C-alpha atoms as a PDB file:
ATOM      1  CA  MET A   1       0.000   0.000   0.000  1.00  0.00           C
ATOM      2  CA  PRO A   2       1.447   3.452  -0.913  1.00  0.00           C
ATOM      3  CA  PRO A   3       2.727   5.284   2.186  1.00  0.00           C
ATOM      4  CA  PHE A   4       0.433   8.289   1.793  1.00  0.00           C
ATOM      5  CA  HIS A   5      -2.528   6.047   2.615  1.00  0.00           C
ATOM      6  CA  ASP A   6      -1.108   5.878   6.136  1.00  0.00           C
ATOM      7  CA  ILE A   7      -1.610   9.626   6.665  1.00  0.00           C
ATOM      8  CA  ASN A   8      -4.256  10.478   9.254  1.00  0.00           C
ATOM      9  CA  TRP A   9      -6.187  12.876   7.033  1.00  0.00           C
ATOM     10  CA  SER A  10      -8.803  13.870   9.628  1.00  0.00           C
ATOM     11  CA  LEU A  11      -6.055  14.880  12.056  1.00  0.00           C
ATOM     12  CA  TRP A  12      -4.158  16.570   9.219  1.00  0.00           C
ATOM     13  CA  LEU A  13      -7.199  18.649   8.266  1.00  0.00           C
ATOM     14  CA  SER A  14      -7.999  19.605  11.859  1.00  0.00           C
ATOM     15  CA  THR A  15      -4.412  20.830  12.227  1.00  0.00           C
ATOM     16  CA  MET A  16      -3.712  22.496   8.889  1.00  0.00           C
ATOM     17  CA  LEU A  17      -7.101  24.099   8.174  1.00  0.00           C
ATOM     18  CA  PRO A  18      -7.008  26.479  11.175  1.00  0.00           C
ATOM     19  CA  MET A  19      -3.417  27.404  10.287  1.00  0.00           C
ATOM     20  CA  ALA A  20      -4.390  28.078   6.671  1.00  0.00           C
ATOM     21  CA  LEU A  21      -7.373  30.224   7.688  1.00  0.00           C
ATOM     22  CA  SER A  22      -5.553  32.273  10.328  1.00  0.00           C
ATOM     23  CA  ALA A  23      -4.861  35.972   9.802  1.00  0.00           C
ATOM     24  CA  GLY A  24      -1.336  35.690   8.441  1.00  0.00           C
ATOM     25  CA  PRO A  25       0.329  38.044   5.949  1.00  0.00           C
ATOM     26  CA  GLY A  26      -1.011  36.241   2.873  1.00  0.00           C
ATOM     27  CA  ASN A  27      -4.619  36.158   4.057  1.00  0.00           C
ATOM     28  CA  LEU A  28      -4.551  39.794   5.169  1.00  0.00           C
ATOM     29  CA  MET A  29      -3.238  40.912   1.786  1.00  0.00           C
ATOM     30  CA  VAL A  30      -5.778  38.710  -0.025  1.00  0.00           C
ATOM     31  CA  ALA A  31      -8.630  40.224   2.001  1.00  0.00           C
ATOM     32  CA  SER A  32      -7.344  43.715   1.272  1.00  0.00           C
ATOM     33  CA  SER A  33      -7.055  42.878  -2.431  1.00  0.00           C
ATOM     34  CA  GLY A  34     -10.576  41.449  -2.472  1.00  0.00           C
ATOM     35  CA  ALA A  35     -11.955  44.594  -0.856  1.00  0.00           C
ATOM     36  CA  ARG A  36     -10.182  46.859  -3.353  1.00  0.00           C
ATOM     37  CA  SER A  37     -10.310  44.843  -6.559  1.00  0.00           C
ATOM     38  CA  GLY A  38     -12.784  41.976  -6.120  1.00  0.00           C
ATOM     39  CA  VAL A  39     -12.195  38.221  -6.178  1.00  0.00           C
ATOM     40  CA  ARG A  40     -11.631  37.839  -9.923  1.00  0.00           C
ATOM     41  CA  ARG A  41      -8.961  40.538 -10.120  1.00  0.00           C
ATOM     42  CA  SER A  42      -7.269  39.016  -7.058  1.00  0.00           C
ATOM     43  CA  LEU A  43      -6.829  35.590  -8.684  1.00  0.00           C
ATOM     44  CA  ARG A  44      -3.408  36.365 -10.181  1.00  0.00           C
ATOM     45  CA  PHE A  45      -2.131  37.396  -6.776  1.00  0.00           C
ATOM     46  CA  ILE A  46      -3.608  34.264  -5.172  1.00  0.00           C
ATOM     47  CA  LEU A  47      -2.043  32.019  -7.823  1.00  0.00           C
ATOM     48  CA  GLY A  48       1.323  33.657  -7.198  1.00  0.00           C
ATOM     49  CA  LEU A  49       0.984  32.906  -3.498  1.00  0.00           C
ATOM     50  CA  ASP A  50      -0.131  29.301  -3.887  1.00  0.00           C
ATOM     51  CA  LEU A  51       2.085  28.141  -6.750  1.00  0.00           C
ATOM     52  CA  THR A  52       5.132  29.530  -4.953  1.00  0.00           C
ATOM     53  CA  TYR A  53       4.053  27.811  -1.749  1.00  0.00           C
ATOM     54  CA  PHE A  54       3.614  24.528  -3.592  1.00  0.00           C
ATOM     55  CA  LEU A  55       7.200  24.709  -4.848  1.00  0.00           C
ATOM     56  CA  LEU A  56       8.438  25.583  -1.353  1.00  0.00           C
ATOM     57  CA  ALA A  57       6.475  22.639   0.050  1.00  0.00           C
ATOM     58  CA  LEU A  58       8.179  20.285  -2.393  1.00  0.00           C
ATOM     59  CA  LEU A  59      11.599  21.648  -1.434  1.00  0.00           C
ATOM     60  CA  VAL A  60      10.885  21.260   2.275  1.00  0.00           C
ATOM     61  CA  GLY A  61       9.339  17.823   1.871  1.00  0.00           C
ATOM     62  CA  LEU A  62      12.264  16.557  -0.182  1.00  0.00           C
ATOM     63  CA  GLY A  63      14.667  17.665   2.536  1.00  0.00           C
ATOM     64  CA  LEU A  64      16.340  20.589   0.809  1.00  0.00           C
ATOM     65  CA  TYR A  65      15.281  22.976   3.567  1.00  0.00           C
ATOM     66  CA  HIS A  66      17.320  20.979   6.082  1.00  0.00           C
ATOM     67  CA  SER A  67      20.440  21.817   4.072  1.00  0.00           C
ATOM     68  CA  LEU A  68      19.507  25.483   4.353  1.00  0.00           C
ATOM     69  CA  ALA A  69      18.818  25.099   8.072  1.00  0.00           C
ATOM     70  CA  GLN A  70      22.443  24.101   8.576  1.00  0.00           C
ATOM     71  CA  GLN A  71      23.472  27.542   7.311  1.00  0.00           C
ATOM     72  CA  ALA A  72      22.406  29.455  10.437  1.00  0.00           C
ATOM     73  CA  PRO A  73      23.565  32.952   9.342  1.00  0.00           C
ATOM     74  CA  LEU A  74      21.807  32.632   5.975  1.00  0.00           C
ATOM     75  CA  LEU A  75      18.600  31.373   7.571  1.00  0.00           C
ATOM     76  CA  ARG A  76      18.703  34.190  10.126  1.00  0.00           C
ATOM     77  CA  GLY A  77      19.133  36.702   7.309  1.00  0.00           C
ATOM     78  CA  LEU A  78      16.154  35.270   5.434  1.00  0.00           C
ATOM     79  CA  ARG A  79      13.977  35.490   8.537  1.00  0.00           C
ATOM     80  CA  ILE A  80      14.921  39.110   9.152  1.00  0.00           C
ATOM     81  CA  ALA A  81      14.468  40.039   5.478  1.00  0.00           C
ATOM     82  CA  GLY A  82      11.067  38.335   5.375  1.00  0.00           C
ATOM     83  CA  SER A  83       9.795  40.134   8.478  1.00  0.00           C
ATOM     84  CA  LEU A  84      11.042  43.496   7.176  1.00  0.00           C
ATOM     85  CA  TYR A  85       9.331  42.929   3.822  1.00  0.00           C
ATOM     86  CA  ILE A  86       6.013  42.127   5.508  1.00  0.00           C
ATOM     87  CA  PHE A  87       6.442  45.221   7.699  1.00  0.00           C
ATOM     88  CA  TRP A  88       6.988  47.306   4.553  1.00  0.00           C
ATOM     89  CA  LEU A  89       3.789  45.894   3.025  1.00  0.00           C
ATOM     90  CA  GLY A  90       1.887  46.895   6.149  1.00  0.00           C
ATOM     91  CA  LEU A  91       3.403  50.376   6.108  1.00  0.00           C
ATOM     92  CA  ARG A  92       2.491  50.766   2.438  1.00  0.00           C
ATOM     93  CA  LEU A  93      -1.109  49.838   3.222  1.00  0.00           C
ATOM     94  CA  LEU A  94      -1.159  52.172   6.196  1.00  0.00           C
ATOM     95  CA  LEU A  95       0.016  55.133   4.094  1.00  0.00           C
ATOM     96  CA  ARG A  96      -1.969  54.298   0.937  1.00  0.00           C
ATOM     97  CA  PRO A  97      -3.877  57.411  -0.197  1.00  0.00           C
ATOM     98  CA  LEU A  98      -7.530  57.169  -1.175  1.00  0.00           C
ATOM     99  CA  ARG A  99      -7.932  56.967  -4.930  1.00  0.00           C
ATOM    100  CA  LYS A 100      -9.772  59.758  -6.674  1.00  0.00           C
ATOM    101  CA  PRO A 101     -13.272  59.161  -8.074  1.00  0.00           C
ATOM    102  CA  GLY A 102     -13.070  57.379 -11.423  1.00  0.00           C
ATOM    103  CA  GLU A 103      -9.427  56.422 -10.914  1.00  0.00           C
ATOM    104  CA  PRO A 104      -8.927  52.669 -11.568  1.00  0.00           C
ATOM    105  CA  GLU A 105      -7.733  50.523  -8.671  1.00  0.00           C
ATOM    106  CA  GLN A 106      -4.426  48.784  -9.368  1.00  0.00           C
ATOM    107  CA  ALA A 107      -4.804  45.082  -8.613  1.00  0.00           C
ATOM    108  CA  LEU A 108      -2.042  43.002  -7.071  1.00  0.00           C
ATOM    109  CA  LEU A 109      -0.216  40.850  -9.633  1.00  0.00           C
ATOM    110  CA  PHE A 110       1.159  37.305  -9.811  1.00  0.00           C
ATOM    111  CA  ARG A 111       4.657  38.536  -9.013  1.00  0.00           C
ATOM    112  CA  ASP A 112       3.360  40.288  -5.887  1.00  0.00           C
ATOM    113  CA  GLY A 113       2.101  36.923  -4.643  1.00  0.00           C
ATOM    114  CA  VAL A 114       5.441  35.273  -5.410  1.00  0.00           C
ATOM    115  CA  VAL A 115       7.458  37.917  -3.549  1.00  0.00           C
ATOM    116  CA  LEU A 116       5.103  37.954  -0.559  1.00  0.00           C
ATOM    117  CA  GLN A 117       5.225  34.177  -0.218  1.00  0.00           C
ATOM    118  CA  LEU A 118       9.008  34.113  -0.437  1.00  0.00           C
ATOM    119  CA  GLY A 119       9.135  36.688   2.342  1.00  0.00           C
ATOM    120  CA  ASN A 120       6.717  34.804   4.585  1.00  0.00           C
ATOM    121  CA  VAL A 121       9.102  32.807   6.756  1.00  0.00           C
ATOM    122  CA  GLN A 122       6.221  31.573   8.937  1.00  0.00           C
ATOM    123  CA  GLY A 123       5.005  29.653   5.903  1.00  0.00           C
ATOM    124  CA  LEU A 124       8.171  27.558   6.083  1.00  0.00           C
ATOM    125  CA  VAL A 125       7.468  26.841   9.735  1.00  0.00           C
ATOM    126  CA  MET A 126       4.008  25.601   8.758  1.00  0.00           C
ATOM    127  CA  LEU A 127       5.574  23.270   6.193  1.00  0.00           C
ATOM    128  CA  LEU A 128       8.036  21.902   8.728  1.00  0.00           C
ATOM    129  CA  VAL A 129       5.180  21.211  11.149  1.00  0.00           C
ATOM    130  CA  MET A 130       3.242  19.382   8.461  1.00  0.00           C
ATOM    131  CA  PHE A 131       6.033  17.155   7.196  1.00  0.00           C
ATOM    132  CA  SER A 132       7.478  16.395  10.612  1.00  0.00           C
ATOM    133  CA  THR A 133       4.048  15.486  11.992  1.00  0.00           C
ATOM    134  CA  PHE A 134       2.205  13.821   9.130  1.00  0.00           C
ATOM    135  CA  SER A 135       4.791  12.204   6.856  1.00  0.00           C
ATOM    136  CA  PRO A 136       3.987   8.481   7.161  1.00  0.00           C
ATOM    137  CA  ALA A 137       7.653   7.447   7.296  1.00  0.00           C
ATOM    138  CA  THR A 138      11.107   8.795   6.694  1.00  0.00           C
ATOM    139  CA  SER A 139      11.198   6.627   3.568  1.00  0.00           C
ATOM    140  CA  ALA A 140       7.781   7.756   2.343  1.00  0.00           C
ATOM    141  CA  GLY A 141       9.309   9.077  -0.858  1.00  0.00           C
ATOM    142  CA  SER A 142       8.312  11.757  -3.295  1.00  0.00           C
ATOM    143  CA  LEU A 143       4.734  10.501  -3.765  1.00  0.00           C
ATOM    144  CA  ALA A 144       3.802  11.261  -0.161  1.00  0.00           C
ATOM    145  CA  VAL A 145       5.570  14.632  -0.381  1.00  0.00           C
ATOM    146  CA  VAL A 146       3.642  15.612  -3.503  1.00  0.00           C
ATOM    147  CA  THR A 147       0.368  14.387  -1.973  1.00  0.00           C
ATOM    148  CA  LEU A 148       0.809  16.370   1.252  1.00  0.00           C
ATOM    149  CA  SER A 149       1.958  19.446  -0.677  1.00  0.00           C
ATOM    150  CA  ALA A 150      -1.004  19.324  -3.068  1.00  0.00           C
ATOM    151  CA  ALA A 151      -3.446  18.832  -0.192  1.00  0.00           C
ATOM    152  CA  LEU A 152      -1.997  21.827   1.641  1.00  0.00           C
ATOM    153  CA  ILE A 153      -2.239  24.028  -1.446  1.00  0.00           C
ATOM    154  CA  ALA A 154      -5.869  22.993  -1.919  1.00  0.00           C
ATOM    155  CA  VAL A 155      -6.608  24.070   1.662  1.00  0.00           C
ATOM    156  CA  ASN A 156      -4.657  27.311   1.190  1.00  0.00           C
ATOM    157  CA  LEU A 157      -6.509  28.076  -2.041  1.00  0.00           C
ATOM    158  CA  PHE A 158      -9.819  27.563  -0.256  1.00  0.00           C
ATOM    159  CA  GLY A 159      -8.690  29.894   2.518  1.00  0.00           C
ATOM    160  CA  HIS A 160      -7.468  32.568   0.126  1.00  0.00           C
ATOM    161  CA  LEU A 161     -10.687  32.518  -1.874  1.00  0.00           C
ATOM    162  CA  LEU A 162     -12.659  32.750   1.363  1.00  0.00           C
ATOM    163  CA  TRP A 163     -10.656  35.760   2.572  1.00  0.00           C
ATOM    164  CA  ALA A 164     -10.905  37.399  -0.868  1.00  0.00           C
ATOM    165  CA  GLY A 165     -14.663  36.800  -0.856  1.00  0.00           C
ATOM    166  CA  LEU A 166     -15.008  38.326   2.598  1.00  0.00           C
ATOM    167  CA  GLY A 167     -13.043  41.348   1.454  1.00  0.00           C
ATOM    168  CA  SER A 168     -15.043  41.627  -1.761  1.00  0.00           C
ATOM    169  CA  SER A 169     -18.316  41.579   0.178  1.00  0.00           C
ATOM    170  CA  LEU A 170     -17.283  44.918   1.671  1.00  0.00           C
ATOM    171  CA  GLN A 171     -16.883  46.617  -1.729  1.00  0.00           C
ATOM    172  CA  PRO A 172     -20.362  48.212  -1.916  1.00  0.00           C
ATOM    173  CA  LEU A 173     -19.983  49.648   1.577  1.00  0.00           C
ATOM    174  CA  LEU A 174     -16.465  50.887   0.854  1.00  0.00           C
ATOM    175  CA  ARG A 175     -17.599  52.566  -2.360  1.00  0.00           C
ATOM    176  CA  ALA A 176     -20.441  54.287  -0.545  1.00  0.00           C
ATOM    177  CA  ARG A 177     -18.243  55.403   2.350  1.00  0.00           C
ATOM    178  CA  PRO A 178     -14.650  55.956   1.154  1.00  0.00           C
ATOM    179  CA  GLY A 179     -13.523  56.767   4.673  1.00  0.00           C
ATOM    180  CA  LEU A 180     -14.082  53.118   5.579  1.00  0.00           C
ATOM    181  CA  LEU A 181     -11.556  52.100   2.912  1.00  0.00           C
ATOM    182  CA  LYS A 182      -8.958  54.255   4.619  1.00  0.00           C
ATOM    183  CA  ALA A 183      -9.889  52.668   7.943  1.00  0.00           C
ATOM    184  CA  GLN A 184      -9.556  49.199   6.390  1.00  0.00           C
ATOM    185  CA  ASN A 185      -6.119  50.050   5.015  1.00  0.00           C
ATOM    186  CA  VAL A 186      -5.052  51.302   8.434  1.00  0.00           C
ATOM    187  CA  LEU A 187      -6.399  48.186  10.171  1.00  0.00           C
ATOM    188  CA  PHE A 188      -4.818  45.696   7.755  1.00  0.00           C
ATOM    189  CA  GLY A 189      -1.612  47.726   7.639  1.00  0.00           C
ATOM    190  CA  LEU A 190      -1.276  47.688  11.425  1.00  0.00           C
ATOM    191  CA  LEU A 191      -2.088  43.962  11.533  1.00  0.00           C
ATOM    192  CA  LEU A 192       0.605  43.212   8.952  1.00  0.00           C
ATOM    193  CA  MET A 193       3.122  45.336  10.821  1.00  0.00           C
ATOM    194  CA  GLY A 194       2.203  43.523  14.040  1.00  0.00           C
ATOM    195  CA  VAL A 195       2.670  40.129  12.378  1.00  0.00           C
ATOM    196  CA  ALA A 196       6.030  41.285  11.013  1.00  0.00           C
ATOM    197  CA  ALA A 197       7.152  42.463  14.447  1.00  0.00           C
ATOM    198  CA  TRP A 198       6.118  39.130  15.974  1.00  0.00           C
ATOM    199  CA  ILE A 199       8.031  37.179  13.308  1.00  0.00           C
ATOM    200  CA  PHE A 200      11.088  39.378  13.797  1.00  0.00           C
ATOM    201  CA  LEU A 201      11.075  39.110  17.581  1.00  0.00           C
ATOM    202  CA  ARG A 202      10.382  35.385  17.595  1.00  0.00           C
ATOM    203  CA  ASN A 203      12.703  34.325  14.773  1.00  0.00           C
ATOM    204  CA  GLY A 204      14.940  37.157  13.702  1.00  0.00           C
ATOM    205  CA  LEU A 205      16.385  37.698  17.167  1.00  0.00           C
ATOM    206  CA  ALA A 206      16.439  34.012  18.147  1.00  0.00           C
END
């Protein structure tokens, strides 16, 4: 029997779904994008997030991350750079001016999703938790790695679409009361900056 049949999928889902739905940097940016641009115009950004995460999951699952983990200074630098990038995203949201009437809203692009995911060091921690907890055996092989990675991306995609939909549901209200859009940008910006500070203090200074 293939090793991935030995995975406890109910336990996996009860562990990974709350992590995927939590208010991390990716979900906060997706919600903000949905509120500004709608779900359809946020899809490129979401695909950038999830395809990049799938590739990172394969690298972690195949053990390449452990080689990186042995390079402590490099890993520390990546953690600090990732937290600073997320902080910059939050600051950019916080200072974003309200667009003028009739001015088109610039949607986040595929490359924005790629860069954000590469800067999200906590995403790597989530991958390490998954593979260390749910891999059926050390010799499970690439099939189990691909299966776990694909399942995680499916859950992430569901979460991102949910957050984008929640953000998009606010569009009529935000159009009617532009001041609320500024308040949303401030809220999401401060949340992102708080997440970045937590990542930096927990990992960057470890």
